[in-house]
Amino acid sequence: MDIDKITIGPCTLYRGDCLELLPTLGPVDAVVTDPPYGIGFVKHTGNGHSTLRNSESANANTHCDPIHGDDRPFDPAPWLTFPKVALCGANHYAARLPDGQGAWCCWDKSCGTGPADCFIDA
């Protein structure tokens, strides 16, 4: 298991495979994570846009590695046991979340410049 641990004031930041890390933690106050969404995302060079791995342009050159674990559906169940959890990208796996629980949050990642490469719907 390859995990980095950084202390920032009264908080601890862990960087590693969360499925390996979660069982090693005691009680936590909150979990904030941006997991792979299970959508086969590939970032392409040239046109400034991104696409999905299963699309026609998926064989284009990329300037970054594929997202580890994004080639299979994301299961949010391990995180739903925590009293406070923020899961980014939930619109991509909403059907696997409990009905009527939680809330949605979105932000304009493009900083007002438009949707050219921000990969967002809102």
PDB file of N, CA and C in Angstrom:
ATOM      1  N   MET A   1       0.858  -1.171   0.000  1.00  0.00           N
ATOM      2  CA  MET A   1       0.000   0.000   0.000  1.00  0.00           C
ATOM      3  C   MET A   1       0.901   1.230   0.000  1.00  0.00           C
ATOM      4  N   ASP A   2       0.678   2.135  -0.967  1.00  0.00           N
ATOM      5  CA  ASP A   2       1.475   3.340  -1.123  1.00  0.00           C
ATOM      6  C   ASP A   2       0.622   4.550  -0.737  1.00  0.00           C
ATOM      7  N   ILE A   3       0.830   5.068   0.485  1.00  0.00           N
ATOM      8  CA  ILE A   3       0.013   6.165   1.002  1.00  0.00           C
ATOM      9  C   ILE A   3       0.919   7.277   1.512  1.00  0.00           C
ATOM     10  N   ASP A   4       0.618   8.510   1.101  1.00  0.00           N
ATOM     11  CA  ASP A   4       1.294   9.687   1.628  1.00  0.00           C
ATOM     12  C   ASP A   4       0.392  10.292   2.690  1.00  0.00           C
ATOM     13  N   LYS A   5       0.990  10.750   3.790  1.00  0.00           N
ATOM     14  CA  LYS A   5       0.232  11.363   4.883  1.00  0.00           C
ATOM     15  C   LYS A   5       0.843  12.732   5.155  1.00  0.00           C
ATOM     16  N   ILE A   6       0.012  13.768   5.090  1.00  0.00           N
ATOM     17  CA  ILE A   6       0.465  15.142   5.284  1.00  0.00           C
ATOM     18  C   ILE A   6      -0.400  15.793   6.360  1.00  0.00           C
ATOM     19  N   THR A   7       0.237  16.422   7.340  1.00  0.00           N
ATOM     20  CA  THR A   7      -0.496  17.136   8.380  1.00  0.00           C
ATOM     21  C   THR A   7      -0.553  18.611   8.010  1.00  0.00           C
ATOM     22  N   ILE A   8      -1.764  19.153   8.029  1.00  0.00           N
ATOM     23  CA  ILE A   8      -1.999  20.561   7.712  1.00  0.00           C
ATOM     24  C   ILE A   8      -2.793  21.141   8.868  1.00  0.00           C
ATOM     25  N   GLY A   9      -2.124  21.836   9.769  1.00  0.00           N
ATOM     26  CA  GLY A   9      -2.802  22.335  10.962  1.00  0.00           C
ATOM     27  C   GLY A   9      -3.378  21.170  11.736  1.00  0.00           C
ATOM     28  N   PRO A  10      -4.669  21.231  12.106  1.00  0.00           N
ATOM     29  CA  PRO A  10      -5.287  20.141  12.858  1.00  0.00           C
ATOM     30  C   PRO A  10      -5.820  19.010  11.956  1.00  0.00           C
ATOM     31  N   CYS A  11      -5.567  19.106  10.653  1.00  0.00           N
ATOM     32  CA  CYS A  11      -6.104  18.126   9.705  1.00  0.00           C
ATOM     33  C   CYS A  11      -4.999  17.231   9.152  1.00  0.00           C
ATOM     34  N   THR A  12      -5.399  16.055   8.698  1.00  0.00           N
ATOM     35  CA  THR A  12      -4.474  15.138   8.048  1.00  0.00           C
ATOM     36  C   THR A  12      -5.007  14.824   6.659  1.00  0.00           C
ATOM     37  N   LEU A  13      -4.143  14.968   5.664  1.00  0.00           N
ATOM     38  CA  LEU A  13      -4.478  14.667   4.282  1.00  0.00           C
ATOM     39  C   LEU A  13      -3.780  13.360   3.914  1.00  0.00           C
ATOM     40  N   TYR A  14      -4.552  12.405   3.393  1.00  0.00           N
ATOM     41  CA  TYR A  14      -4.010  11.127   2.954  1.00  0.00           C
ATOM     42  C   TYR A  14      -4.117  11.063   1.443  1.00  0.00           C
ATOM     43  N   ARG A  15      -3.066  10.613   0.798  1.00  0.00           N
ATOM     44  CA  ARG A  15      -3.106  10.418  -0.647  1.00  0.00           C
ATOM     45  C   ARG A  15      -2.731   8.967  -0.930  1.00  0.00           C
ATOM     46  N   GLY A  16      -3.654   8.231  -1.522  1.00  0.00           N
ATOM     47  CA  GLY A  16      -3.434   6.830  -1.828  1.00  0.00           C
ATOM     48  C   GLY A  16      -4.713   6.221  -2.346  1.00  0.00           C
ATOM     49  N   ASP A  17      -4.704   4.923  -2.528  1.00  0.00           N
ATOM     50  CA  ASP A  17      -5.890   4.209  -2.975  1.00  0.00           C
ATOM     51  C   ASP A  17      -6.879   4.169  -1.813  1.00  0.00           C
ATOM     52  N   CYS A  18      -7.990   4.865  -1.958  1.00  0.00           N
ATOM     53  CA  CYS A  18      -8.920   5.005  -0.838  1.00  0.00           C
ATOM     54  C   CYS A  18      -9.522   3.676  -0.406  1.00  0.00           C
ATOM     55  N   LEU A  19      -9.674   2.723  -1.320  1.00  0.00           N
ATOM     56  CA  LEU A  19     -10.218   1.431  -0.915  1.00  0.00           C
ATOM     57  C   LEU A  19      -9.247   0.677  -0.014  1.00  0.00           C
ATOM     58  N   GLU A  20      -7.955   0.953  -0.167  1.00  0.00           N
ATOM     59  CA  GLU A  20      -6.960   0.378   0.733  1.00  0.00           C
ATOM     60  C   GLU A  20      -6.854   1.188   2.017  1.00  0.00           C
ATOM     61  N   LEU A  21      -7.021   2.496   1.898  1.00  0.00           N
ATOM     62  CA  LEU A  21      -6.836   3.406   3.033  1.00  0.00           C
ATOM     63  C   LEU A  21      -8.005   3.406   4.015  1.00  0.00           C
ATOM     64  N   LEU A  22      -9.233   3.401   3.520  1.00  0.00           N
ATOM     65  CA  LEU A  22     -10.409   3.528   4.386  1.00  0.00           C
ATOM     66  C   LEU A  22     -10.450   2.530   5.543  1.00  0.00           C
ATOM     67  N   PRO A  23     -10.161   1.248   5.303  1.00  0.00           N
ATOM     68  CA  PRO A  23     -10.231   0.296   6.427  1.00  0.00           C
ATOM     69  C   PRO A  23      -9.174   0.539   7.510  1.00  0.00           C
ATOM     70  N   THR A  24      -8.118   1.293   7.189  1.00  0.00           N
ATOM     71  CA  THR A  24      -7.055   1.535   8.172  1.00  0.00           C
ATOM     72  C   THR A  24      -7.344   2.725   9.069  1.00  0.00           C
ATOM     73  N   LEU A  25      -8.366   3.503   8.719  1.00  0.00           N
ATOM     74  CA  LEU A  25      -8.689   4.706   9.482  1.00  0.00           C
ATOM     75  C   LEU A  25      -9.620   4.383  10.642  1.00  0.00           C
ATOM     76  N   GLY A  26      -9.461   5.123  11.703  1.00  0.00           N
ATOM     77  CA  GLY A  26     -10.422   5.049  12.793  1.00  0.00           C
ATOM     78  C   GLY A  26     -11.582   5.960  12.447  1.00  0.00           C
ATOM     79  N   PRO A  27     -12.277   6.473  13.456  1.00  0.00           N
ATOM     80  CA  PRO A  27     -13.371   7.416  13.195  1.00  0.00           C
ATOM     81  C   PRO A  27     -12.856   8.661  12.459  1.00  0.00           C
ATOM     82  N   VAL A  28     -13.613   9.130  11.497  1.00  0.00           N
ATOM     83  CA  VAL A  28     -13.256  10.339  10.747  1.00  0.00           C
ATOM     84  C   VAL A  28     -14.408  11.333  10.830  1.00  0.00           C
ATOM     85  N   ASP A  29     -14.079  12.613  10.703  1.00  0.00           N
ATOM     86  CA  ASP A  29     -15.096  13.664  10.745  1.00  0.00           C
ATOM     87  C   ASP A  29     -15.814  13.815   9.410  1.00  0.00           C
ATOM     88  N   ALA A  30     -15.077  13.635   8.317  1.00  0.00           N
ATOM     89  CA  ALA A  30     -15.676  13.793   6.994  1.00  0.00           C
ATOM     90  C   ALA A  30     -14.774  13.137   5.958  1.00  0.00           C
ATOM     91  N   VAL A  31     -15.390  12.699   4.863  1.00  0.00           N
ATOM     92  CA  VAL A  31     -14.658  12.183   3.719  1.00  0.00           C
ATOM     93  C   VAL A  31     -15.008  13.065   2.532  1.00  0.00           C
ATOM     94  N   VAL A  32     -13.991  13.621   1.878  1.00  0.00           N
ATOM     95  CA  VAL A  32     -14.158  14.427   0.680  1.00  0.00           C
ATOM     96  C   VAL A  32     -13.304  13.754  -0.388  1.00  0.00           C
ATOM     97  N   THR A  33     -13.932  13.309  -1.473  1.00  0.00           N
ATOM     98  CA  THR A  33     -13.192  12.554  -2.474  1.00  0.00           C
ATOM     99  C   THR A  33     -13.687  12.858  -3.882  1.00  0.00           C
ATOM    100  N   ASP A  34     -12.777  12.746  -4.829  1.00  0.00           N
ATOM    101  CA  ASP A  34     -13.085  12.890  -6.246  1.00  0.00           C
ATOM    102  C   ASP A  34     -12.706  11.566  -6.911  1.00  0.00           C
ATOM    103  N   PRO A  35     -13.586  10.560  -6.779  1.00  0.00           N
ATOM    104  CA  PRO A  35     -13.252   9.219  -7.261  1.00  0.00           C
ATOM    105  C   PRO A  35     -13.328   9.140  -8.783  1.00  0.00           C
ATOM    106  N   PRO A  36     -12.778   8.080  -9.380  1.00  0.00           N
ATOM    107  CA  PRO A  36     -13.027   7.856 -10.811  1.00  0.00           C
ATOM    108  C   PRO A  36     -14.521   7.592 -10.995  1.00  0.00           C
ATOM    109  N   TYR A  37     -15.112   8.219 -11.992  1.00  0.00           N
ATOM    110  CA  TYR A  37     -16.563   8.178 -12.147  1.00  0.00           C
ATOM    111  C   TYR A  37     -17.061   6.934 -12.873  1.00  0.00           C
ATOM    112  N   GLY A  38     -16.164   6.171 -13.475  1.00  0.00           N
ATOM    113  CA  GLY A  38     -16.584   4.996 -14.231  1.00  0.00           C
ATOM    114  C   GLY A  38     -17.127   5.342 -15.600  1.00  0.00           C
ATOM    115  N   ILE A  39     -16.584   6.395 -16.222  1.00  0.00           N
ATOM    116  CA  ILE A  39     -17.101   6.855 -17.508  1.00  0.00           C
ATOM    117  C   ILE A  39     -16.084   6.705 -18.640  1.00  0.00           C
ATOM    118  N   GLY A  40     -14.915   6.134 -18.365  1.00  0.00           N
ATOM    119  CA  GLY A  40     -13.921   5.946 -19.416  1.00  0.00           C
ATOM    120  C   GLY A  40     -13.380   7.244 -19.959  1.00  0.00           C
ATOM    121  N   PHE A  41     -13.134   8.221 -19.128  1.00  0.00           N
ATOM    122  CA  PHE A  41     -12.682   9.547 -19.532  1.00  0.00           C
ATOM    123  C   PHE A  41     -11.257   9.513 -20.071  1.00  0.00           C
ATOM    124  N   VAL A  42     -11.027  10.185 -21.202  1.00  0.00           N
ATOM    125  CA  VAL A  42      -9.689  10.345 -21.775  1.00  0.00           C
ATOM    126  C   VAL A  42      -9.525  11.801 -22.164  1.00  0.00           C
ATOM    127  N   LYS A  43      -8.438  12.409 -21.736  1.00  0.00           N
ATOM    128  CA  LYS A  43      -8.160  13.802 -22.094  1.00  0.00           C
ATOM    129  C   LYS A  43      -7.304  13.798 -23.354  1.00  0.00           C
ATOM    130  N   HIS A  44      -7.731  14.529 -24.367  1.00  0.00           N
ATOM    131  CA  HIS A  44      -7.045  14.541 -25.657  1.00  0.00           C
ATOM    132  C   HIS A  44      -6.284  15.836 -25.873  1.00  0.00           C
ATOM    133  N   THR A  45      -5.284  15.764 -26.724  1.00  0.00           N
ATOM    134  CA  THR A  45      -4.548  16.949 -27.144  1.00  0.00           C
ATOM    135  C   THR A  45      -5.081  17.402 -28.486  1.00  0.00           C
ATOM    136  N   GLY A  46      -4.719  18.583 -28.881  1.00  0.00           N
ATOM    137  CA  GLY A  46      -5.065  19.066 -30.211  1.00  0.00           C
ATOM    138  C   GLY A  46      -6.293  19.932 -30.241  1.00  0.00           C
ATOM    139  N   ASN A  47      -7.452  19.382 -29.919  1.00  0.00           N
ATOM    140  CA  ASN A  47      -8.674  20.169 -30.070  1.00  0.00           C
ATOM    141  C   ASN A  47      -9.125  20.833 -28.779  1.00  0.00           C
ATOM    142  N   GLY A  48      -8.419  20.600 -27.673  1.00  0.00           N
ATOM    143  CA  GLY A  48      -8.772  21.240 -26.417  1.00  0.00           C
ATOM    144  C   GLY A  48      -9.983  20.625 -25.734  1.00  0.00           C
ATOM    145  N   HIS A  49     -10.489  19.529 -26.268  1.00  0.00           N
ATOM    146  CA  HIS A  49     -11.668  18.895 -25.693  1.00  0.00           C
ATOM    147  C   HIS A  49     -11.326  17.526 -25.132  1.00  0.00           C
ATOM    148  N   SER A  50     -12.211  17.001 -24.340  1.00  0.00           N
ATOM    149  CA  SER A  50     -12.064  15.673 -23.766  1.00  0.00           C
ATOM    150  C   SER A  50     -13.178  14.803 -24.295  1.00  0.00           C
ATOM    151  N   THR A  51     -13.019  13.511 -24.144  1.00  0.00           N
ATOM    152  CA  THR A  51     -14.040  12.597 -24.629  1.00  0.00           C
ATOM    153  C   THR A  51     -14.073  11.364 -23.748  1.00  0.00           C
ATOM    154  N   LEU A  52     -14.895  10.409 -24.101  1.00  0.00           N
ATOM    155  CA  LEU A  52     -14.989   9.165 -23.368  1.00  0.00           C
ATOM    156  C   LEU A  52     -14.217   8.079 -24.098  1.00  0.00           C
ATOM    157  N   ARG A  53     -13.653   7.156 -23.361  1.00  0.00           N
ATOM    158  CA  ARG A  53     -12.798   6.117 -23.919  1.00  0.00           C
ATOM    159  C   ARG A  53     -13.509   5.289 -24.982  1.00  0.00           C
ATOM    160  N   ASN A  54     -14.824   5.141 -24.873  1.00  0.00           N
ATOM    161  CA  ASN A  54     -15.541   4.305 -25.823  1.00  0.00           C
ATOM    162  C   ASN A  54     -16.031   5.073 -27.054  1.00  0.00           C
ATOM    163  N   SER A  55     -15.596   6.312 -27.223  1.00  0.00           N
ATOM    164  CA  SER A  55     -16.022   7.090 -28.383  1.00  0.00           C
ATOM    165  C   SER A  55     -15.082   6.849 -29.567  1.00  0.00           C
ATOM    166  N   GLU A  56     -15.458   7.333 -30.752  1.00  0.00           N
ATOM    167  CA  GLU A  56     -14.654   7.123 -31.951  1.00  0.00           C
ATOM    168  C   GLU A  56     -13.269   7.745 -31.852  1.00  0.00           C
ATOM    169  N   SER A  57     -13.130   8.862 -31.145  1.00  0.00           N
ATOM    170  CA  SER A  57     -11.841   9.544 -31.080  1.00  0.00           C
ATOM    171  C   SER A  57     -10.982   9.060 -29.914  1.00  0.00           C
ATOM    172  N   ALA A  58     -11.355   7.956 -29.293  1.00  0.00           N
ATOM    173  CA  ALA A  58     -10.626   7.477 -28.122  1.00  0.00           C
ATOM    174  C   ALA A  58      -9.204   7.045 -28.441  1.00  0.00           C
ATOM    175  N   ASN A  59      -8.878   6.830 -29.705  1.00  0.00           N
ATOM    176  CA  ASN A  59      -7.526   6.422 -30.055  1.00  0.00           C
ATOM    177  C   ASN A  59      -6.601   7.611 -30.296  1.00  0.00           C
ATOM    178  N   ALA A  60      -7.089   8.816 -30.125  1.00  0.00           N
ATOM    179  CA  ALA A  60      -6.258  10.003 -30.311  1.00  0.00           C
ATOM    180  C   ALA A  60      -5.144  10.040 -29.277  1.00  0.00           C
ATOM    181  N   ASN A  61      -4.102  10.794 -29.593  1.00  0.00           N
ATOM    182  CA  ASN A  61      -3.003  10.935 -28.639  1.00  0.00           C
ATOM    183  C   ASN A  61      -3.492  11.658 -27.394  1.00  0.00           C
ATOM    184  N   THR A  62      -2.978  11.268 -26.249  1.00  0.00           N
ATOM    185  CA  THR A  62      -3.350  11.922 -25.006  1.00  0.00           C
ATOM    186  C   THR A  62      -2.112  12.535 -24.391  1.00  0.00           C
ATOM    187  N   HIS A  63      -2.305  13.565 -23.581  1.00  0.00           N
ATOM    188  CA  HIS A  63      -1.162  14.164 -22.891  1.00  0.00           C
ATOM    189  C   HIS A  63      -1.162  13.810 -21.412  1.00  0.00           C
ATOM    190  N   CYS A  64      -1.998  12.882 -21.023  1.00  0.00           N
ATOM    191  CA  CYS A  64      -1.961  12.382 -19.659  1.00  0.00           C
ATOM    192  C   CYS A  64      -2.483  10.954 -19.651  1.00  0.00           C
ATOM    193  N   ASP A  65      -2.089  10.221 -18.651  1.00  0.00           N
ATOM    194  CA  ASP A  65      -2.519   8.829 -18.538  1.00  0.00           C
ATOM    195  C   ASP A  65      -4.010   8.754 -18.259  1.00  0.00           C
ATOM    196  N   PRO A  66      -4.651   7.652 -18.668  1.00  0.00           N
ATOM    197  CA  PRO A  66      -6.056   7.457 -18.300  1.00  0.00           C
ATOM    198  C   PRO A  66      -6.207   7.438 -16.777  1.00  0.00           C
ATOM    199  N   ILE A  67      -7.368   7.769 -16.300  1.00  0.00           N
ATOM    200  CA  ILE A  67      -7.638   7.782 -14.862  1.00  0.00           C
ATOM    201  C   ILE A  67      -7.754   6.346 -14.375  1.00  0.00           C
ATOM    202  N   HIS A  68      -6.944   5.995 -13.394  1.00  0.00           N
ATOM    203  CA  HIS A  68      -6.944   4.638 -12.844  1.00  0.00           C
ATOM    204  C   HIS A  68      -8.332   4.302 -12.285  1.00  0.00           C
ATOM    205  N   GLY A  69      -8.887   3.190 -12.710  1.00  0.00           N
ATOM    206  CA  GLY A  69     -10.181   2.746 -12.208  1.00  0.00           C
ATOM    207  C   GLY A  69     -11.382   3.313 -12.934  1.00  0.00           C
ATOM    208  N   ASP A  70     -11.169   4.220 -13.899  1.00  0.00           N
ATOM    209  CA  ASP A  70     -12.296   4.848 -14.578  1.00  0.00           C
ATOM    210  C   ASP A  70     -12.865   3.972 -15.687  1.00  0.00           C
ATOM    211  N   ASP A  71     -12.283   2.806 -15.891  1.00  0.00           N
ATOM    212  CA  ASP A  71     -12.753   1.902 -16.930  1.00  0.00           C
ATOM    213  C   ASP A  71     -13.822   0.922 -16.432  1.00  0.00           C
ATOM    214  N   ARG A  72     -14.239   1.081 -15.179  1.00  0.00           N
ATOM    215  CA  ARG A  72     -15.291   0.218 -14.625  1.00  0.00           C
ATOM    216  C   ARG A  72     -16.249   1.085 -13.799  1.00  0.00           C
ATOM    217  N   PRO A  73     -17.498   0.673 -13.643  1.00  0.00           N
ATOM    218  CA  PRO A  73     -18.474   1.477 -12.899  1.00  0.00           C
ATOM    219  C   PRO A  73     -18.012   1.763 -11.470  1.00  0.00           C
ATOM    220  N   PHE A  74     -18.257   2.983 -11.016  1.00  0.00           N
ATOM    221  CA  PHE A  74     -17.903   3.388  -9.663  1.00  0.00           C
ATOM    222  C   PHE A  74     -18.989   2.943  -8.692  1.00  0.00           C
ATOM    223  N   ASP A  75     -18.592   2.338  -7.583  1.00  0.00           N
ATOM    224  CA  ASP A  75     -19.517   1.906  -6.542  1.00  0.00           C
ATOM    225  C   ASP A  75     -19.354   2.829  -5.328  1.00  0.00           C
ATOM    226  N   PRO A  76     -20.320   3.694  -5.054  1.00  0.00           N
ATOM    227  CA  PRO A  76     -20.195   4.628  -3.934  1.00  0.00           C
ATOM    228  C   PRO A  76     -20.465   4.001  -2.561  1.00  0.00           C
ATOM    229  N   ALA A  77     -20.889   2.746  -2.511  1.00  0.00           N
ATOM    230  CA  ALA A  77     -21.309   2.116  -1.248  1.00  0.00           C
ATOM    231  C   ALA A  77     -20.287   2.235  -0.108  1.00  0.00           C
ATOM    232  N   PRO A  78     -18.990   2.012  -0.326  1.00  0.00           N
ATOM    233  CA  PRO A  78     -18.049   2.108   0.807  1.00  0.00           C
ATOM    234  C   PRO A  78     -18.011   3.490   1.472  1.00  0.00           C
ATOM    235  N   TRP A  79     -18.331   4.523   0.730  1.00  0.00           N
ATOM    236  CA  TRP A  79     -18.282   5.881   1.281  1.00  0.00           C
ATOM    237  C   TRP A  79     -19.572   6.274   1.983  1.00  0.00           C
ATOM    238  N   LEU A  80     -20.659   5.603   1.669  1.00  0.00           N
ATOM    239  CA  LEU A  80     -21.956   5.979   2.233  1.00  0.00           C
ATOM    240  C   LEU A  80     -22.106   5.579   3.693  1.00  0.00           C
ATOM    241  N   THR A  81     -21.142   4.877   4.239  1.00  0.00           N
ATOM    242  CA  THR A  81     -21.189   4.502   5.654  1.00  0.00           C
ATOM    243  C   THR A  81     -20.677   5.618   6.561  1.00  0.00           C
ATOM    244  N   PHE A  82     -20.031   6.638   5.987  1.00  0.00           N
ATOM    245  CA  PHE A  82     -19.507   7.751   6.779  1.00  0.00           C
ATOM    246  C   PHE A  82     -20.607   8.770   7.038  1.00  0.00           C
ATOM    247  N   PRO A  83     -20.588   9.405   8.221  1.00  0.00           N
ATOM    248  CA  PRO A  83     -21.655  10.357   8.538  1.00  0.00           C
ATOM    249  C   PRO A  83     -21.641  11.598   7.639  1.00  0.00           C
ATOM    250  N   LYS A  84     -20.469  12.028   7.197  1.00  0.00           N
ATOM    251  CA  LYS A  84     -20.368  13.190   6.304  1.00  0.00           C
ATOM    252  C   LYS A  84     -19.431  12.817   5.164  1.00  0.00           C
ATOM    253  N   VAL A  85     -19.965  12.864   3.948  1.00  0.00           N
ATOM    254  CA  VAL A  85     -19.160  12.515   2.780  1.00  0.00           C
ATOM    255  C   VAL A  85     -19.530  13.423   1.623  1.00  0.00           C
ATOM    256  N   ALA A  86     -18.526  13.889   0.908  1.00  0.00           N
ATOM    257  CA  ALA A  86     -18.717  14.662  -0.319  1.00  0.00           C
ATOM    258  C   ALA A  86     -18.063  13.871  -1.446  1.00  0.00           C
ATOM    259  N   LEU A  87     -18.883  13.428  -2.396  1.00  0.00           N
ATOM    260  CA  LEU A  87     -18.408  12.658  -3.540  1.00  0.00           C
ATOM    261  C   LEU A  87     -18.531  13.518  -4.793  1.00  0.00           C
ATOM    262  N   CYS A  88     -17.421  13.872  -5.391  1.00  0.00           N
ATOM    263  CA  CYS A  88     -17.460  14.654  -6.631  1.00  0.00           C
ATOM    264  C   CYS A  88     -17.907  13.778  -7.791  1.00  0.00           C
ATOM    265  N   GLY A  89     -18.526  14.391  -8.780  1.00  0.00           N
ATOM    266  CA  GLY A  89     -18.942  13.689  -9.989  1.00  0.00           C
ATOM    267  C   GLY A  89     -20.133  12.787  -9.834  1.00  0.00           C
ATOM    268  N   ALA A  90     -20.920  12.995  -8.799  1.00  0.00           N
ATOM    269  CA  ALA A  90     -22.029  12.083  -8.512  1.00  0.00           C
ATOM    270  C   ALA A  90     -23.070  12.024  -9.629  1.00  0.00           C
ATOM    271  N   ASN A  91     -23.116  13.028 -10.477  1.00  0.00           N
ATOM    272  CA  ASN A  91     -24.063  12.975 -11.595  1.00  0.00           C
ATOM    273  C   ASN A  91     -23.761  11.785 -12.516  1.00  0.00           C
ATOM    274  N   HIS A  92     -22.538  11.282 -12.494  1.00  0.00           N
ATOM    275  CA  HIS A  92     -22.167  10.160 -13.349  1.00  0.00           C
ATOM    276  C   HIS A  92     -22.546   8.797 -12.771  1.00  0.00           C
ATOM    277  N   TYR A  93     -22.869   8.749 -11.480  1.00  0.00           N
ATOM    278  CA  TYR A  93     -23.258   7.474 -10.854  1.00  0.00           C
ATOM    279  C   TYR A  93     -24.462   7.661  -9.936  1.00  0.00           C
ATOM    280  N   ALA A  94     -25.294   8.636 -10.242  1.00  0.00           N
ATOM    281  CA  ALA A  94     -26.458   8.967  -9.415  1.00  0.00           C
ATOM    282  C   ALA A  94     -27.398   7.782  -9.230  1.00  0.00           C
ATOM    283  N   ALA A  95     -27.497   6.911 -10.221  1.00  0.00           N
ATOM    284  CA  ALA A  95     -28.397   5.763 -10.114  1.00  0.00           C
ATOM    285  C   ALA A  95     -27.950   4.788  -9.027  1.00  0.00           C
ATOM    286  N   ARG A  96     -26.697   4.884  -8.597  1.00  0.00           N
ATOM    287  CA  ARG A  96     -26.186   3.988  -7.554  1.00  0.00           C
ATOM    288  C   ARG A  96     -26.174   4.650  -6.179  1.00  0.00           C
ATOM    289  N   LEU A  97     -26.788   5.820  -6.066  1.00  0.00           N
ATOM    290  CA  LEU A  97     -26.893   6.527  -4.778  1.00  0.00           C
ATOM    291  C   LEU A  97     -28.296   6.327  -4.207  1.00  0.00           C
ATOM    292  N   PRO A  98     -28.431   6.361  -2.872  1.00  0.00           N
ATOM    293  CA  PRO A  98     -29.767   6.204  -2.273  1.00  0.00           C
ATOM    294  C   PRO A  98     -30.699   7.343  -2.674  1.00  0.00           C
ATOM    295  N   ASP A  99     -31.940   7.010  -2.962  1.00  0.00           N
ATOM    296  CA  ASP A  99     -32.935   8.025  -3.308  1.00  0.00           C
ATOM    297  C   ASP A  99     -33.273   8.887  -2.098  1.00  0.00           C
ATOM    298  N   GLY A 100     -33.455  10.179  -2.337  1.00  0.00           N
ATOM    299  CA  GLY A 100     -33.941  11.079  -1.306  1.00  0.00           C
ATOM    300  C   GLY A 100     -32.953  11.416  -0.199  1.00  0.00           C
ATOM    301  N   GLN A 101     -31.704  11.061  -0.345  1.00  0.00           N
ATOM    302  CA  GLN A 101     -30.704  11.392   0.672  1.00  0.00           C
ATOM    303  C   GLN A 101     -29.651  12.298   0.056  1.00  0.00           C
ATOM    304  N   GLY A 102     -29.071  13.137   0.870  1.00  0.00           N
ATOM    305  CA  GLY A 102     -27.977  13.975   0.405  1.00  0.00           C
ATOM    306  C   GLY A 102     -28.433  15.220  -0.310  1.00  0.00           C
ATOM    307  N   ALA A 103     -27.464  15.916  -0.864  1.00  0.00           N
ATOM    308  CA  ALA A 103     -27.708  17.164  -1.581  1.00  0.00           C
ATOM    309  C   ALA A 103     -26.700  17.266  -2.723  1.00  0.00           C
ATOM    310  N   TRP A 104     -26.990  18.139  -3.671  1.00  0.00           N
ATOM    311  CA  TRP A 104     -26.112  18.338  -4.818  1.00  0.00           C
ATOM    312  C   TRP A 104     -25.421  19.691  -4.732  1.00  0.00           C
ATOM    313  N   CYS A 105     -24.199  19.731  -5.173  1.00  0.00           N
ATOM    314  CA  CYS A 105     -23.428  20.971  -5.221  1.00  0.00           C
ATOM    315  C   CYS A 105     -22.721  21.013  -6.570  1.00  0.00           C
ATOM    316  N   CYS A 106     -22.757  22.146  -7.247  1.00  0.00           N
ATOM    317  CA  CYS A 106     -21.987  22.279  -8.489  1.00  0.00           C
ATOM    318  C   CYS A 106     -21.378  23.662  -8.533  1.00  0.00           C
ATOM    319  N   TRP A 107     -20.341  23.787  -9.337  1.00  0.00           N
ATOM    320  CA  TRP A 107     -19.679  25.078  -9.482  1.00  0.00           C
ATOM    321  C   TRP A 107     -19.209  25.234 -10.915  1.00  0.00           C
ATOM    322  N   ASP A 108     -18.959  26.465 -11.325  1.00  0.00           N
ATOM    323  CA  ASP A 108     -18.493  26.776 -12.671  1.00  0.00           C
ATOM    324  C   ASP A 108     -16.972  26.650 -12.677  1.00  0.00           C
ATOM    325  N   LYS A 109     -16.470  25.496 -13.096  1.00  0.00           N
ATOM    326  CA  LYS A 109     -15.029  25.262 -13.123  1.00  0.00           C
ATOM    327  C   LYS A 109     -14.347  26.050 -14.230  1.00  0.00           C
ATOM    328  N   SER A 110     -15.106  26.578 -15.174  1.00  0.00           N
ATOM    329  CA  SER A 110     -14.496  27.303 -16.279  1.00  0.00           C
ATOM    330  C   SER A 110     -14.115  28.729 -15.909  1.00  0.00           C
ATOM    331  N   CYS A 111     -14.464  29.173 -14.715  1.00  0.00           N
ATOM    332  CA  CYS A 111     -14.143  30.532 -14.241  1.00  0.00           C
ATOM    333  C   CYS A 111     -14.637  31.596 -15.207  1.00  0.00           C
ATOM    334  N   GLY A 112     -15.804  31.348 -15.807  1.00  0.00           N
ATOM    335  CA  GLY A 112     -16.408  32.345 -16.681  1.00  0.00           C
ATOM    336  C   GLY A 112     -15.878  32.347 -18.097  1.00  0.00           C
ATOM    337  N   THR A 113     -14.972  31.422 -18.457  1.00  0.00           N
ATOM    338  CA  THR A 113     -14.395  31.415 -19.800  1.00  0.00           C
ATOM    339  C   THR A 113     -15.152  30.517 -20.765  1.00  0.00           C
ATOM    340  N   GLY A 114     -16.162  29.821 -20.307  1.00  0.00           N
ATOM    341  CA  GLY A 114     -16.929  28.947 -21.176  1.00  0.00           C
ATOM    342  C   GLY A 114     -16.542  27.495 -21.012  1.00  0.00           C
ATOM    343  N   PRO A 115     -17.263  26.601 -21.689  1.00  0.00           N
ATOM    344  CA  PRO A 115     -17.101  25.168 -21.468  1.00  0.00           C
ATOM    345  C   PRO A 115     -16.008  24.491 -22.292  1.00  0.00           C
ATOM    346  N   ALA A 116     -15.037  25.224 -22.853  1.00  0.00           N
ATOM    347  CA  ALA A 116     -14.067  24.649 -23.790  1.00  0.00           C
ATOM    348  C   ALA A 116     -13.434  23.347 -23.307  1.00  0.00           C
ATOM    349  N   ASP A 117     -13.001  23.275 -22.072  1.00  0.00           N
ATOM    350  CA  ASP A 117     -12.353  22.049 -21.594  1.00  0.00           C
ATOM    351  C   ASP A 117     -12.608  21.833 -20.121  1.00  0.00           C
ATOM    352  N   CYS A 118     -13.780  22.245 -19.639  1.00  0.00           N
ATOM    353  CA  CYS A 118     -14.042  22.149 -18.206  1.00  0.00           C
ATOM    354  C   CYS A 118     -14.818  20.899 -17.825  1.00  0.00           C
ATOM    355  N   PHE A 119     -15.342  20.141 -18.826  1.00  0.00           N
ATOM    356  CA  PHE A 119     -16.000  18.859 -18.612  1.00  0.00           C
ATOM    357  C   PHE A 119     -17.097  18.944 -17.544  1.00  0.00           C
ATOM    358  N   ILE A 120     -17.954  19.954 -17.669  1.00  0.00           N
ATOM    359  CA  ILE A 120     -19.034  20.130 -16.709  1.00  0.00           C
ATOM    360  C   ILE A 120     -20.345  20.380 -17.435  1.00  0.00           C
ATOM    361  N   ASP A 121     -21.443  20.143 -16.736  1.00  0.00           N
ATOM    362  CA  ASP A 121     -22.766  20.401 -17.290  1.00  0.00           C
ATOM    363  C   ASP A 121     -23.425  21.614 -16.666  1.00  0.00           C
ATOM    364  N   ALA A 122     -22.854  22.136 -15.604  1.00  0.00           N
ATOM    365  CA  ALA A 122     -23.477  23.274 -14.924  1.00  0.00           C
ATOM    366  C   ALA A 122     -22.414  24.302 -14.584  1.00  0.00           C
TER     367      ALA A 122
END
